[in-house]
Amino acid sequence: MGNCMESQVNKLMATGNLEREELKELLKFRNPETTEYLYEMACLVRNKTQENTAAVWGRIPISSYCKYDCKMCGLRRENQFAKRYRMDLSQILQYCHAFAENGVHHFLLESGDDVYFSENRVAEILLAIKKYHPDAVIVLSMGEKTKSAYRHWNHVGADSYLLRFGTADEINFKRLYPANMSLLLRKQSLWELKQEGYHTGTGFLVGLPYQTIDSVTEDILFMKSFGADSIYMGTFIPALRTPFERERCGNGDMALYIMAILRLMLPAADVIAEPSLDCVLKEGRMKAFDAGANVMIADIDDMEILRQYKVYERKNGRFSLPADVVPEIVERLRGKGMAVE
């Protein structure tokens, strides 16, 4: 048994910040007592700032192509065994309709950094979605693009953008990402998205190779200084045929712990329960709501597409939360005392 670091949690709740050494201590000496108290405070803040309301986002993985060769990703360009596909407009609309029929009106269009989806192609998709679903909230997660593309897409219907920075540690960034990627440019893209009026989300993976308490501290402090509108955390899970395929998975409990810290640092942000959590924790996505999350990501119901969109290996836990399971998700969230929009 350990001592509850109540003073650090209370300070974080009161001020939204901690000194670097205080934050490192909170991360390094995580224990059940502190975790329980931190989660309690995170949910208290979530219920106040989000009015005890949760949302379900329907994720549509529109392409498995990527121009980059990131060492941890199963979609990396050099993975010759990856099955590639691109959805056409009719497929994308089909999945939007299916989500809408199940009460989901937030659509997350996600892909590798695929040059095929040009500024004009994506604009066409956005206009089509808005034609059939004018009240939908459209979230994009398609990698680094030009400022003009960000502006164009925002004008024709995109509301939010998710772009993980990966790691705020420059040395680790060079170890994890190819030479034609830059941490500076990634941060620049994030600021450009903010300037163009997007609800901008970012985050990192817990348990990446080379990650330390110091580097996680830097990651958290960057997210605070940036003022992320959405917290897009995940857990590192090795993907086959990547340089890191034999590495260990990240710790799901630590991912939830960091999500709770970020809830207190950024009280009004959306905290997203994303699919990788289910691979490292039983019902990880649902457990995230006990750590202050307010957004659940649901999947399309096409298992063949999900098997091809292998950013990581879905070895354990529930493979997906398809659209037809959304009513069950909603009832369980209501069972936690939350309204669902």
Protein backbone atom coordinates (compact mmCIF):
# COMPACT_ATOMS: atom_id res chain seq x y z
CA MET A 1 0.00 0.00 0.00
CA GLY A 2 1.21 3.51 -0.73
CA ASN A 3 0.43 7.00 0.45
CA CYS A 4 -2.18 8.94 -1.49
CA MET A 5 -0.57 11.93 -3.21
CA GLU A 6 -3.66 13.97 -2.39
CA SER A 7 -1.86 17.32 -2.22
CA GLN A 8 -0.53 17.00 -5.79
CA VAL A 9 -3.96 15.98 -7.11
CA ASN A 10 -5.65 18.83 -5.23
CA LYS A 11 -3.15 21.34 -6.58
CA LEU A 12 -3.64 19.99 -10.10
CA MET A 13 -7.39 20.29 -9.71
CA ALA A 14 -7.20 23.82 -8.30
CA THR A 15 -4.62 25.30 -10.69
CA GLY A 16 -4.64 23.01 -13.73
CA ASN A 17 -0.88 22.61 -13.48
CA LEU A 18 2.02 21.15 -11.54
CA GLU A 19 5.70 21.94 -11.41
CA ARG A 20 7.79 19.56 -13.51
CA GLU A 21 9.15 17.68 -10.49
CA GLU A 22 5.70 17.39 -8.91
CA LEU A 23 4.32 15.92 -12.13
CA LYS A 24 7.21 13.45 -12.36
CA GLU A 25 6.55 12.37 -8.78
CA LEU A 26 2.85 11.85 -9.54
CA LEU A 27 3.78 9.66 -12.51
CA LYS A 28 6.64 7.78 -10.90
CA PHE A 29 4.94 6.82 -7.64
CA ARG A 30 1.52 5.85 -8.98
CA ASN A 31 -0.34 3.65 -6.48
CA PRO A 32 -3.93 2.44 -5.94
CA GLU A 33 -4.76 5.12 -3.36
CA THR A 34 -3.63 7.99 -5.56
CA THR A 35 -5.24 6.44 -8.62
CA GLU A 36 -8.60 6.12 -6.91
CA TYR A 37 -8.52 9.73 -5.71
CA LEU A 38 -7.28 11.04 -9.05
CA TYR A 39 -10.06 9.25 -10.92
CA GLU A 40 -12.66 10.55 -8.48
CA MET A 41 -11.50 14.13 -9.05
CA ALA A 42 -11.23 13.64 -12.82
CA CYS A 43 -14.85 12.44 -12.98
CA LEU A 44 -15.96 15.31 -10.76
CA VAL A 45 -14.34 17.83 -13.12
CA ARG A 46 -15.67 15.99 -16.20
CA ASN A 47 -19.20 16.03 -14.84
CA LYS A 48 -18.97 19.75 -14.16
CA THR A 49 -17.33 20.91 -17.40
CA GLN A 50 -19.13 18.45 -19.69
CA GLU A 51 -22.42 18.64 -17.77
CA ASN A 52 -22.19 14.90 -17.15
CA THR A 53 -22.66 14.27 -20.88
CA ALA A 54 -20.84 11.74 -23.08
CA ALA A 55 -20.65 11.48 -26.86
CA VAL A 56 -20.11 8.54 -29.22
CA TRP A 57 -17.98 9.14 -32.33
CA GLY A 58 -18.25 6.75 -35.26
CA ARG A 59 -14.82 6.05 -36.72
CA ILE A 60 -14.60 5.43 -40.48
CA PRO A 61 -11.08 4.30 -41.54
CA ILE A 62 -11.14 5.58 -45.12
CA SER A 63 -7.67 4.46 -46.28
CA SER A 64 -4.83 2.16 -45.21
CA TYR A 65 -2.27 3.83 -47.48
CA CYS A 66 0.42 6.05 -45.94
CA LYS A 67 3.37 7.92 -47.43
CA TYR A 68 5.37 7.70 -44.19
CA ASP A 69 7.40 4.89 -42.67
CA CYS A 70 6.86 5.29 -38.93
CA LYS A 71 8.53 2.47 -37.04
CA MET A 72 5.59 1.55 -34.80
CA CYS A 73 2.76 1.57 -37.33
CA GLY A 74 1.38 -1.41 -39.24
CA LEU A 75 0.35 0.90 -42.10
CA ARG A 76 3.94 2.08 -42.65
CA ARG A 77 4.85 2.49 -46.31
CA GLU A 78 7.51 -0.24 -46.29
CA ASN A 79 5.19 -2.91 -44.90
CA GLN A 80 4.72 -4.94 -48.08
CA PHE A 81 2.38 -7.36 -46.30
CA ALA A 82 -0.15 -4.70 -45.36
CA LYS A 83 -3.43 -4.98 -47.25
CA ARG A 84 -4.22 -1.63 -48.83
CA TYR A 85 -7.61 -0.17 -49.63
CA ARG A 86 -9.29 3.17 -50.16
CA MET A 87 -12.97 3.86 -49.60
CA ASP A 88 -14.89 5.66 -52.30
CA LEU A 89 -17.51 8.31 -51.58
CA SER A 90 -20.42 5.87 -51.67
CA GLN A 91 -18.76 3.61 -49.06
CA ILE A 92 -18.02 6.53 -46.76
CA LEU A 93 -21.63 7.72 -47.00
CA GLN A 94 -22.86 4.19 -46.38
CA TYR A 95 -21.03 4.07 -43.04
CA CYS A 96 -22.20 7.59 -42.12
CA HIS A 97 -25.79 6.49 -42.75
CA ALA A 98 -25.30 3.36 -40.63
CA PHE A 99 -23.92 5.35 -37.71
CA ALA A 100 -26.70 7.93 -37.98
CA GLU A 101 -29.33 5.16 -37.92
CA ASN A 102 -27.83 4.05 -34.61
CA GLY A 103 -27.91 7.53 -33.13
CA VAL A 104 -24.27 8.49 -33.82
CA HIS A 105 -23.84 11.95 -35.36
CA HIS A 106 -20.12 12.51 -34.85
CA PHE A 107 -18.18 11.03 -37.78
CA LEU A 108 -14.41 10.51 -37.45
CA LEU A 109 -12.77 10.10 -40.87
CA GLU A 110 -9.37 8.53 -40.24
CA SER A 111 -6.58 7.33 -42.55
CA GLY A 112 -2.88 7.04 -43.05
CA ASP A 113 -1.26 10.10 -44.59
CA ASP A 114 -2.57 9.22 -48.06
CA VAL A 115 -1.74 11.66 -50.87
CA TYR A 116 -4.68 10.33 -52.89
CA PHE A 117 -7.05 12.17 -50.59
CA SER A 118 -6.22 15.60 -51.93
CA GLU A 119 -7.66 18.89 -50.75
CA ASN A 120 -10.44 18.80 -53.35
CA ARG A 121 -11.29 15.09 -52.86
CA VAL A 122 -11.72 15.54 -49.13
CA ALA A 123 -13.76 18.71 -49.68
CA GLU A 124 -16.08 16.73 -51.97
CA ILE A 125 -16.52 14.09 -49.26
CA LEU A 126 -17.26 16.71 -46.61
CA LEU A 127 -19.85 18.45 -48.77
CA ALA A 128 -21.56 15.13 -49.50
CA ILE A 129 -21.73 14.18 -45.82
CA LYS A 130 -23.15 17.57 -44.91
CA LYS A 131 -25.75 17.25 -47.67
CA TYR A 132 -27.20 14.10 -46.10
CA HIS A 133 -26.31 14.84 -42.48
CA PRO A 134 -26.34 18.64 -42.07
CA ASP A 135 -26.17 18.48 -38.28
CA ALA A 136 -23.29 16.00 -38.14
CA VAL A 137 -20.03 16.88 -36.43
CA ILE A 138 -17.16 15.82 -38.70
CA VAL A 139 -13.77 15.01 -37.22
CA LEU A 140 -10.74 14.45 -39.47
CA SER A 141 -7.58 12.50 -38.66
CA MET A 142 -5.57 12.34 -41.87
CA GLY A 143 -2.07 13.45 -40.99
CA GLU A 144 -0.16 16.63 -41.80
CA LYS A 145 -1.66 18.67 -44.62
CA THR A 146 -1.25 22.20 -45.97
CA LYS A 147 -2.70 25.24 -44.26
CA SER A 148 -4.86 25.91 -47.33
CA ALA A 149 -6.31 22.40 -47.08
CA TYR A 150 -7.11 22.89 -43.40
CA ARG A 151 -8.86 26.19 -44.20
CA HIS A 152 -10.78 24.73 -47.15
CA TRP A 153 -12.00 21.69 -45.21
CA ASN A 154 -13.06 23.81 -42.25
CA HIS A 155 -15.10 26.05 -44.56
CA VAL A 156 -16.97 23.13 -46.13
CA GLY A 157 -17.83 21.23 -42.98
CA ALA A 158 -14.92 19.81 -40.93
CA ASP A 159 -15.30 20.75 -37.28
CA SER A 160 -12.42 18.99 -35.51
CA TYR A 161 -9.01 17.56 -36.35
CA LEU A 162 -6.96 14.93 -34.50
CA LEU A 163 -3.20 14.93 -35.00
CA ARG A 164 -0.99 13.14 -32.50
CA PHE A 165 2.44 14.71 -32.00
CA GLY A 166 3.89 11.34 -30.97
CA THR A 167 6.52 12.54 -28.52
CA ALA A 168 7.71 15.96 -27.44
CA ASP A 169 11.24 14.59 -27.01
CA GLU A 170 13.21 15.58 -30.11
CA ILE A 171 15.71 12.72 -29.77
CA ASN A 172 12.99 10.11 -29.35
CA PHE A 173 11.03 11.59 -32.25
CA LYS A 174 13.99 10.91 -34.54
CA ARG A 175 14.21 7.33 -33.22
CA LEU A 176 10.52 6.65 -33.87
CA TYR A 177 9.76 8.52 -37.07
CA PRO A 178 11.42 8.65 -40.52
CA ALA A 179 13.90 11.35 -41.50
CA ASN A 180 11.32 13.14 -43.67
CA MET A 181 9.18 13.87 -40.60
CA SER A 182 9.85 16.68 -38.16
CA LEU A 183 8.59 17.36 -34.64
CA LEU A 184 8.78 21.09 -35.38
CA LEU A 185 6.55 20.70 -38.46
CA ARG A 186 4.13 18.49 -36.53
CA LYS A 187 3.78 21.18 -33.87
CA GLN A 188 3.44 23.83 -36.58
CA SER A 189 0.56 21.87 -38.12
CA LEU A 190 -1.16 21.73 -34.74
CA TRP A 191 -0.90 25.50 -34.32
CA GLU A 192 -2.16 26.03 -37.88
CA LEU A 193 -5.21 23.88 -37.13
CA LYS A 194 -5.92 26.01 -34.07
CA GLN A 195 -5.57 29.19 -36.12
CA GLU A 196 -8.02 27.90 -38.72
CA GLY A 197 -10.68 27.41 -36.07
CA TYR A 198 -10.58 23.66 -35.56
CA HIS A 199 -11.40 21.93 -32.31
CA THR A 200 -7.88 20.49 -32.27
CA GLY A 201 -6.96 17.21 -30.63
CA THR A 202 -3.55 15.71 -30.02
CA GLY A 203 -1.79 13.15 -27.88
CA PHE A 204 0.77 10.37 -27.74
CA LEU A 205 1.07 6.63 -27.17
CA VAL A 206 1.85 5.29 -23.72
CA GLY A 207 4.58 2.66 -23.65
CA LEU A 208 6.44 3.54 -26.84
CA PRO A 209 10.03 2.29 -27.08
CA TYR A 210 12.51 4.77 -25.56
CA GLN A 211 9.77 6.37 -23.47
CA THR A 212 10.73 7.42 -19.93
CA ILE A 213 9.07 9.28 -17.06
CA ASP A 214 10.96 12.38 -18.21
CA SER A 215 9.69 12.10 -21.78
CA VAL A 216 6.10 11.47 -20.65
CA THR A 217 6.39 14.55 -18.44
CA GLU A 218 7.44 16.56 -21.50
CA ASP A 219 4.53 15.14 -23.47
CA ILE A 220 1.99 16.13 -20.82
CA LEU A 221 3.45 19.61 -20.40
CA PHE A 222 3.36 20.17 -24.16
CA MET A 223 -0.32 19.21 -24.28
CA LYS A 224 -1.00 21.67 -21.47
CA SER A 225 0.94 24.51 -23.14
CA PHE A 226 -0.73 23.82 -26.48
CA GLY A 227 -4.16 23.78 -24.89
CA ALA A 228 -5.45 20.66 -26.63
CA ASP A 229 -9.20 20.72 -27.26
CA SER A 230 -9.29 16.90 -27.43
CA ILE A 231 -7.03 14.46 -25.63
CA TYR A 232 -6.27 11.61 -28.03
CA MET A 233 -4.33 9.14 -25.89
CA GLY A 234 -3.56 5.59 -26.84
CA THR A 235 -1.48 2.63 -25.76
CA PHE A 236 1.42 1.34 -27.82
CA ILE A 237 0.69 -2.10 -29.22
CA PRO A 238 3.30 -3.78 -31.46
CA ALA A 239 2.32 -4.34 -35.07
CA LEU A 240 3.64 -7.25 -37.10
CA ARG A 241 6.35 -6.57 -39.68
CA THR A 242 7.50 -3.35 -38.09
CA PRO A 243 10.85 -2.65 -36.38
CA PHE A 244 9.06 -2.76 -33.01
CA GLU A 245 7.05 -5.95 -33.52
CA ARG A 246 8.83 -7.71 -30.64
CA GLU A 247 8.45 -4.87 -28.15
CA ARG A 248 6.09 -5.09 -25.19
CA CYS A 249 2.66 -3.45 -25.14
CA GLY A 250 2.20 -0.26 -23.21
CA ASN A 251 0.49 -0.26 -19.83
CA GLY A 252 -3.23 0.40 -20.18
CA ASP A 253 -3.63 1.39 -16.53
CA MET A 254 -0.91 4.02 -16.95
CA ALA A 255 -2.69 5.34 -20.06
CA LEU A 256 -5.89 5.83 -18.04
CA TYR A 257 -3.90 7.44 -15.22
CA ILE A 258 -2.39 9.98 -17.64
CA MET A 259 -5.82 10.63 -19.16
CA ALA A 260 -7.10 11.51 -15.68
CA ILE A 261 -4.16 13.87 -15.11
CA LEU A 262 -4.89 15.58 -18.42
CA ARG A 263 -8.58 15.87 -17.53
CA LEU A 264 -7.54 17.97 -14.53
CA MET A 265 -5.00 19.96 -16.58
CA LEU A 266 -7.44 20.64 -19.43
CA PRO A 267 -10.88 20.50 -17.78
CA ALA A 268 -12.95 21.50 -20.83
CA ALA A 269 -11.21 19.17 -23.31
CA ASP A 270 -12.78 16.09 -24.83
CA VAL A 271 -11.03 13.00 -23.45
CA ILE A 272 -11.35 10.19 -25.96
CA ALA A 273 -11.67 6.49 -25.16
CA GLU A 274 -10.11 4.96 -28.25
CA PRO A 275 -9.92 1.35 -29.54
CA SER A 276 -6.39 0.39 -28.46
CA LEU A 277 -7.48 0.53 -24.82
CA ASP A 278 -9.60 -2.58 -25.35
CA CYS A 279 -6.51 -4.51 -26.47
CA VAL A 280 -4.58 -3.96 -23.26
CA LEU A 281 -7.40 -3.79 -20.72
CA LYS A 282 -10.64 -5.72 -20.55
CA GLU A 283 -13.30 -3.19 -21.55
CA GLY A 284 -10.61 -0.52 -21.63
CA ARG A 285 -12.75 1.96 -23.53
CA MET A 286 -15.49 1.73 -20.92
CA LYS A 287 -13.00 1.95 -18.03
CA ALA A 288 -11.72 5.23 -19.49
CA PHE A 289 -15.00 6.83 -18.37
CA ASP A 290 -14.00 6.09 -14.77
CA ALA A 291 -10.85 8.13 -15.45
CA GLY A 292 -12.63 11.22 -16.79
CA ALA A 293 -13.24 10.38 -20.46
CA ASN A 294 -16.33 11.77 -22.16
CA VAL A 295 -16.01 10.47 -25.76
CA MET A 296 -16.35 6.85 -26.88
CA ILE A 297 -15.12 5.80 -30.33
CA ALA A 298 -17.26 3.17 -32.04
CA ASP A 299 -16.26 1.19 -35.13
CA ILE A 300 -17.81 0.41 -38.48
CA ASP A 301 -19.39 -3.04 -38.79
CA ASP A 302 -17.15 -4.27 -41.63
CA MET A 303 -14.71 -6.73 -40.06
CA GLU A 304 -12.77 -7.14 -43.31
CA ILE A 305 -11.95 -3.42 -43.38
CA LEU A 306 -10.97 -3.47 -39.71
CA ARG A 307 -8.64 -6.42 -40.32
CA GLN A 308 -6.94 -4.49 -43.11
CA TYR A 309 -6.68 -1.24 -41.16
CA LYS A 310 -4.03 -2.71 -38.87
CA VAL A 311 -2.26 0.23 -37.28
CA TYR A 312 -1.55 -2.25 -34.47
CA GLU A 313 -2.36 -5.89 -33.72
CA ARG A 314 -5.73 -6.35 -32.03
CA LYS A 315 -4.61 -9.40 -30.09
CA ASN A 316 -6.72 -9.21 -26.98
CA GLY A 317 -10.03 -7.93 -25.79
CA ARG A 318 -13.03 -7.10 -27.88
CA PHE A 319 -12.04 -6.66 -31.52
CA SER A 320 -14.45 -3.81 -32.20
CA LEU A 321 -17.45 -1.86 -30.98
CA PRO A 322 -19.54 -1.77 -34.17
CA ALA A 323 -22.40 0.61 -34.83
CA ASP A 324 -25.08 -1.91 -33.87
CA VAL A 325 -23.55 -2.16 -30.38
CA VAL A 326 -23.97 1.60 -29.82
CA PRO A 327 -27.35 1.20 -28.02
CA GLU A 328 -25.63 -1.14 -25.54
CA ILE A 329 -22.82 1.41 -25.06
CA VAL A 330 -25.34 4.18 -24.48
CA GLU A 331 -27.19 2.16 -21.85
CA ARG A 332 -23.98 1.36 -20.01
CA LEU A 333 -22.90 4.99 -20.00
CA ARG A 334 -26.32 5.97 -18.72
CA GLY A 335 -25.78 3.36 -16.02
CA LYS A 336 -22.78 5.46 -14.94
CA GLY A 337 -25.16 8.40 -14.55
CA MET A 338 -24.23 10.12 -17.82
CA ALA A 339 -26.42 11.56 -20.54
CA VAL A 340 -25.35 10.62 -24.08
CA GLU A 341 -25.58 12.99 -27.04
